Protein backbone atom coordinates (compact mmCIF):
# COMPACT_ATOMS: atom_id res chain seq x y z
CA MET A 1 88.49 96.19 94.43
CA ALA A 2 89.88 92.95 95.35
CA ASP A 3 86.23 92.00 95.59
CA LEU A 4 85.51 93.16 91.87
CA LEU A 5 88.77 91.11 90.89
CA ASP A 6 87.71 88.24 92.08
CA GLY A 7 84.29 88.43 90.48
CA LEU A 8 85.90 89.11 87.17
CA ALA A 9 88.27 86.12 87.39
CA ARG A 10 85.04 83.78 88.41
CA HIS A 11 83.21 85.53 85.46
CA LEU A 12 86.01 84.78 83.09
CA GLN A 13 86.42 81.25 84.51
CA ASN A 14 82.71 80.56 83.86
CA LYS A 15 83.16 81.80 80.31
CA SER A 16 86.11 79.14 79.92
CA LEU A 17 88.28 81.98 79.09
CA LEU A 18 90.63 81.14 82.22
CA THR A 19 90.93 79.13 84.70
CA TYR A 20 91.01 80.73 88.51
CA ASP A 21 92.13 79.16 91.73
CA LEU A 22 90.13 80.27 94.44
CA THR A 23 92.20 79.01 97.55
CA GLY A 24 95.70 79.82 96.01
CA PRO A 25 98.22 80.09 93.43
CA GLY A 26 97.10 77.16 91.02
CA GLY A 27 95.15 77.73 87.49
CA ASP A 28 96.18 80.53 84.51
CA CYS A 29 94.53 83.40 86.33
CA PHE A 30 95.99 85.58 88.95
CA LEU A 31 95.26 89.22 90.96
CA ASP A 32 97.77 91.70 90.60
CA ALA A 33 100.91 90.08 89.70
CA MET A 34 102.22 87.87 86.95
CA PRO A 35 104.39 85.04 88.25
CA GLN A 36 107.46 83.62 86.19
CA THR A 37 104.91 80.31 85.37
CA PRO A 38 102.51 79.40 84.20
CA ASP A 39 104.05 80.47 80.44
CA GLU A 40 100.15 81.23 79.23
CA ALA A 41 98.98 83.06 82.55
CA VAL A 42 96.37 86.31 82.75
CA VAL A 43 96.57 88.83 85.56
CA LEU A 44 93.55 91.38 86.28
CA THR A 45 94.81 94.28 87.96
CA ALA A 46 92.33 97.57 89.14
CA TYR A 47 93.88 101.08 89.20
CA ASP A 48 92.25 104.64 90.09
CA ASP A 49 91.45 106.62 87.73
CA ALA A 50 92.57 109.59 89.99
CA ARG A 51 89.09 111.39 90.01
CA GLU A 52 87.36 111.78 92.98
CA PRO A 53 84.76 109.55 93.50
CA ASP A 54 81.28 111.43 94.48
CA ALA A 55 80.61 111.22 98.16
CA LYS A 56 76.76 111.07 97.67
CA LEU A 57 76.28 108.94 94.56
CA GLY A 58 76.32 104.68 95.71
CA TYR A 59 79.19 104.05 92.92
CA ASP A 60 82.64 104.02 91.61
CA GLU A 61 84.46 103.82 88.64
CA PRO A 62 87.26 101.66 88.71
CA ARG A 63 89.97 100.65 85.77
CA VAL A 64 91.02 96.81 85.33
CA GLN A 65 93.87 95.85 83.47
CA VAL A 66 94.05 92.70 81.68
CA ARG A 67 97.34 91.34 81.00
CA VAL A 68 97.42 88.26 78.73
CA ARG A 69 101.05 86.52 78.77
CA GLY A 70 101.17 83.62 76.02
CA THR A 71 104.05 81.84 73.99
CA SER A 72 106.82 82.71 71.48
CA ASP A 73 104.02 83.07 68.84
CA PRO A 74 102.15 86.49 69.62
CA ARG A 75 98.87 85.45 67.91
CA VAL A 76 98.33 83.09 71.54
CA SER A 77 98.27 86.60 73.72
CA ARG A 78 96.90 88.39 71.16
CA GLU A 79 93.81 86.03 70.42
CA ARG A 80 92.95 85.04 74.15
CA CYS A 81 93.35 88.98 75.18
CA LYS A 82 90.97 89.84 72.33
CA ALA A 83 88.54 86.85 73.72
CA ILE A 84 88.49 88.54 77.51
CA ARG A 85 87.78 91.79 75.54
CA ASP A 86 85.36 90.87 73.72
CA GLU A 87 83.45 89.45 76.63
CA MET A 88 83.72 92.29 78.85
CA HIS A 89 83.13 95.50 76.72
CA GLY A 90 79.77 96.32 77.37
CA LEU A 91 79.21 93.92 80.13
CA GLY A 92 76.17 94.50 82.43
CA PRO A 93 74.48 95.22 84.30
CA VAL A 94 75.10 92.18 85.85
CA THR A 95 75.64 90.68 89.50
CA LEU A 96 79.50 89.04 89.68
CA PRO A 97 80.03 85.89 91.03
CA ASP A 98 81.37 87.52 94.37
CA GLY A 99 78.30 89.88 94.76
CA THR A 100 79.34 92.81 93.13
CA ARG A 101 77.10 94.85 90.71
CA LEU A 102 78.86 95.70 87.76
CA ILE A 103 76.68 98.03 86.14
CA LEU A 104 78.78 98.78 83.03
CA SER A 105 82.47 97.50 81.36
CA ILE A 106 83.82 99.61 78.86
CA ALA A 107 86.83 98.63 76.58
CA LEU A 108 89.28 101.99 76.78
CA GLN A 109 90.77 100.96 73.34
CA GLY A 110 90.28 99.20 69.99
CA GLY A 111 91.94 96.22 70.80
CA PRO A 112 94.47 94.14 72.24
CA ALA A 113 97.99 96.47 72.38
CA SER A 114 100.94 94.06 72.47
CA LEU A 115 103.22 94.88 75.47
CA GLY A 116 106.50 93.04 73.46
CA ARG A 117 108.00 90.02 74.92
CA ASP A 118 109.34 88.69 78.16
CA GLU A 119 112.58 88.18 80.05
CA ASN A 120 111.86 84.42 78.24
CA GLY A 121 110.50 85.44 75.04
CA ARG A 122 107.05 85.38 75.64
CA HIS A 123 104.51 87.69 73.85
CA GLU A 124 102.32 89.71 76.18
CA HIS A 125 98.84 91.70 75.40
CA VAL A 126 97.06 94.09 77.52
CA CYS A 127 93.77 95.82 77.02
CA ASN A 128 92.26 97.80 79.77
CA PHE A 129 88.72 98.83 80.70
CA ARG A 130 86.25 101.87 83.12
CA MET A 131 83.99 99.77 85.06
CA GLU A 132 80.88 101.03 86.91
CA ILE A 133 80.02 99.21 89.87
CA ARG A 134 77.69 99.79 92.68
CA ASN A 135 79.39 100.84 95.71
CA VAL A 136 76.99 101.35 98.67
CA SER A 137 77.76 102.43 102.40
CA ALA A 138 76.27 103.90 104.84
CA HIS A 139 76.63 107.68 103.32
CA ARG A 140 76.33 106.85 99.92
CA ILE A 141 72.95 105.80 98.42
């Protein structure tokens, strides 16, 4: 799933929605874990939907969570999360910059959901997506 996250991060960077540093922990977009800094940050995390993938069909349906941290003003993270949701909802078919073939991305909720404030008083919002990605192997066409 790291390839999918990398491809999504690069796609969102190309849309000027975040800054993703391919070489390390720079920018404001991170994969899998939220760092303490910077204050305003985006984390992309892939998770399984607990369904068995079909052994013969060449696609998978991972879920992706977009978590956005902002400032003490809740509008900052909410609006950024909404902008990312608006870009990702309905996206596809498209080949992401890492080569992942994204068939379709569907938001699983109507808008950003508040996670409240972190220990430093920074608001966080989240959106979740169901992805359909092409995943061909020796036994899947």
